[in-house]
């Protein structure tokens, strides 16, 4: 169930893409963040920046 939920969240993020270079802000809790980051990086569609990159 947890994996299904994470895949559904990932699908919804991918569905938001409309143009190359478009920015999408995603905010999720710690329980989802690590696996979503992995999915997004492995897809090659996203450049991931975390909040800590700006602190």
Protein backbone atom coordinates (compact mmCIF):
# COMPACT_ATOMS: atom_id res chain seq x y z
CA UNK A 1 0.00 0.00 0.00
CA UNK A 2 2.79 2.45 0.93
CA UNK A 3 4.66 1.79 -2.33
CA UNK A 4 1.46 2.24 -4.32
CA UNK A 5 0.86 5.60 -2.63
CA UNK A 6 4.39 6.78 -3.45
CA UNK A 7 4.03 5.70 -7.09
CA UNK A 8 0.71 7.54 -7.33
CA UNK A 9 2.30 10.70 -5.92
CA UNK A 10 5.16 10.33 -8.44
CA UNK A 11 2.68 9.90 -11.31
CA UNK A 12 0.82 13.04 -10.26
CA UNK A 13 4.07 15.03 -10.20
CA UNK A 14 5.03 13.78 -13.67
CA UNK A 15 1.54 14.66 -14.94
CA UNK A 16 2.16 18.28 -13.88
CA UNK A 17 4.99 18.65 -16.41
CA UNK A 18 3.94 20.66 -19.42
CA UNK A 19 7.10 22.36 -20.69
CA UNK A 20 10.80 21.56 -20.48
CA UNK A 21 12.48 23.81 -17.92
CA UNK A 22 9.25 24.32 -15.99
CA UNK A 23 9.58 24.51 -12.21
CA UNK A 24 7.43 22.47 -9.87
CA UNK A 25 7.46 22.88 -6.10
CA UNK A 26 6.71 19.66 -4.21
CA UNK A 27 6.34 19.50 -0.45
CA UNK A 28 5.96 16.11 1.25
CA UNK A 29 6.74 14.74 4.65
CA UNK A 30 9.83 12.80 5.61
CA UNK A 31 8.16 9.43 5.09
CA UNK A 32 7.59 10.09 1.39
CA UNK A 33 10.49 12.43 0.59
CA UNK A 34 13.34 9.94 0.23
CA UNK A 35 11.56 7.52 -2.11
CA UNK A 36 9.99 10.32 -4.16
CA UNK A 37 13.39 11.94 -4.56
CA UNK A 38 14.77 8.61 -5.77
CA UNK A 39 11.93 8.13 -8.27
CA UNK A 40 12.30 11.67 -9.60
CA UNK A 41 16.08 11.44 -9.97
CA UNK A 42 15.96 8.05 -11.67
CA UNK A 43 13.37 9.27 -14.17
CA UNK A 44 15.84 11.77 -15.63
CA UNK A 45 12.97 14.26 -16.01
CA UNK A 46 13.79 16.33 -12.95
CA UNK A 47 16.58 18.26 -11.34
CA UNK A 48 16.06 17.96 -7.60
CA UNK A 49 16.80 20.84 -5.26
CA UNK A 50 16.13 20.49 -1.56
CA UNK A 51 15.32 23.13 0.99
CA UNK A 52 18.69 22.55 2.66
CA UNK A 53 20.40 23.60 -0.60
CA UNK A 54 19.32 27.15 0.21
CA UNK A 55 20.12 27.30 3.93
